[in-house]
Amino acid sequence: MHQARPRHDKTIPCHPTYAMGRAWDTSNTIPSGSLSSAVANFERDRIIDALKSTQGNIAAAARLLATSERILGLRVKKYGIQPKQYR
């Protein structure tokens, strides 16, 4: 008679790529660096894009980014961005 398999086979890791027969994701999309550095880079790039679009105008860039001038000013200082260079 056929014996029932245990619900959880501990010999096979419970990772989705193993379920597909691969040892690891072959799409080469494994991120490098930390999440916080990726978020910081994204935020910095968005601020620079907004400043370019508004010719370095912090008030207009803040409206474009749906934030306050104060918050944008703090981020500009944090990332060492020079708004005047986008005028």
Protein backbone atom coordinates (compact mmCIF):
# COMPACT_ATOMS: atom_id res chain seq x y z
CA MET A 1 0.00 0.00 0.00
CA HIS A 2 1.13 3.56 -0.73
CA GLN A 3 2.38 5.40 2.33
CA ALA A 4 1.41 9.08 2.67
CA ARG A 5 4.20 11.65 2.44
CA PRO A 6 4.67 14.03 5.31
CA ARG A 7 3.14 17.47 4.70
CA HIS A 8 6.49 19.20 4.92
CA ASP A 9 9.50 17.56 3.30
CA LYS A 10 12.50 19.04 5.11
CA THR A 11 14.92 18.00 2.39
CA ILE A 12 13.57 20.59 -0.06
CA PRO A 13 13.99 24.23 0.95
CA CYS A 14 10.79 26.27 0.95
CA HIS A 15 11.99 28.88 -1.51
CA PRO A 16 9.95 29.60 -4.65
CA THR A 17 12.91 29.09 -6.96
CA TYR A 18 13.44 25.59 -5.62
CA ALA A 19 9.84 24.80 -6.39
CA MET A 20 10.57 25.69 -10.01
CA GLY A 21 13.54 23.35 -10.10
CA ARG A 22 16.25 26.00 -9.90
CA ALA A 23 18.84 26.43 -7.22
CA TRP A 24 18.59 30.24 -7.39
CA ASP A 25 16.87 32.90 -9.39
CA THR A 26 18.66 33.14 -12.74
CA SER A 27 17.23 36.54 -13.70
CA ASN A 28 20.19 38.31 -12.09
CA THR A 29 17.84 40.67 -10.25
CA ILE A 30 19.32 40.14 -6.81
CA PRO A 31 19.78 43.67 -5.49
CA SER A 32 23.11 44.83 -4.21
CA GLY A 33 23.41 47.26 -1.33
CA SER A 34 20.89 48.08 1.31
CA LEU A 35 17.28 49.12 0.93
CA SER A 36 18.01 52.42 2.64
CA SER A 37 20.76 53.30 0.14
CA ALA A 38 18.47 52.39 -2.77
CA VAL A 39 15.70 54.60 -1.35
CA ALA A 40 18.18 57.44 -0.79
CA ASN A 41 19.45 57.21 -4.37
CA PHE A 42 15.90 57.19 -5.69
CA GLU A 43 14.92 60.18 -3.54
CA ARG A 44 18.02 62.13 -4.59
CA ASP A 45 17.36 61.45 -8.27
CA ARG A 46 13.73 62.55 -7.97
CA ILE A 47 14.76 65.78 -6.26
CA ILE A 48 17.34 66.53 -8.94
CA ASP A 49 14.79 65.82 -11.70
CA ALA A 50 12.29 68.16 -10.03
CA LEU A 51 14.92 70.89 -9.67
CA LYS A 52 15.86 70.52 -13.32
CA SER A 53 12.19 70.77 -14.32
CA THR A 54 11.73 73.92 -12.24
CA GLN A 55 15.09 75.49 -13.11
CA GLY A 56 16.32 75.19 -9.52
CA ASN A 57 13.22 76.69 -7.91
CA ILE A 58 12.84 74.89 -4.56
CA ALA A 59 9.25 76.07 -3.96
CA ALA A 60 8.09 74.84 -7.38
CA ALA A 61 10.05 71.60 -7.00
CA ALA A 62 8.42 71.01 -3.62
CA ARG A 63 4.96 71.44 -5.18
CA LEU A 64 5.94 69.09 -8.00
CA LEU A 65 7.03 66.47 -5.45
CA ALA A 66 3.96 67.05 -3.25
CA THR A 67 6.03 67.98 -0.21
CA SER A 68 6.77 71.13 1.73
CA GLU A 69 9.60 73.56 1.02
CA ARG A 70 11.00 72.80 4.46
CA ILE A 71 11.18 69.04 3.86
CA LEU A 72 12.66 69.53 0.41
CA GLY A 73 15.20 71.99 1.82
CA LEU A 74 16.24 69.45 4.44
CA ARG A 75 16.64 66.75 1.77
CA VAL A 76 18.60 69.10 -0.47
CA LYS A 77 20.97 69.75 2.44
CA LYS A 78 21.12 66.03 3.36
CA TYR A 79 22.15 65.00 -0.17
CA GLY A 80 24.41 68.00 -0.78
CA ILE A 81 22.42 69.13 -3.80
CA GLN A 82 23.10 72.64 -5.13
CA PRO A 83 19.80 73.97 -6.58
CA LYS A 84 21.58 76.95 -8.19
CA GLN A 85 23.38 74.65 -10.61
CA TYR A 86 20.00 73.76 -12.21
CA ARG A 87 19.10 77.41 -13.04
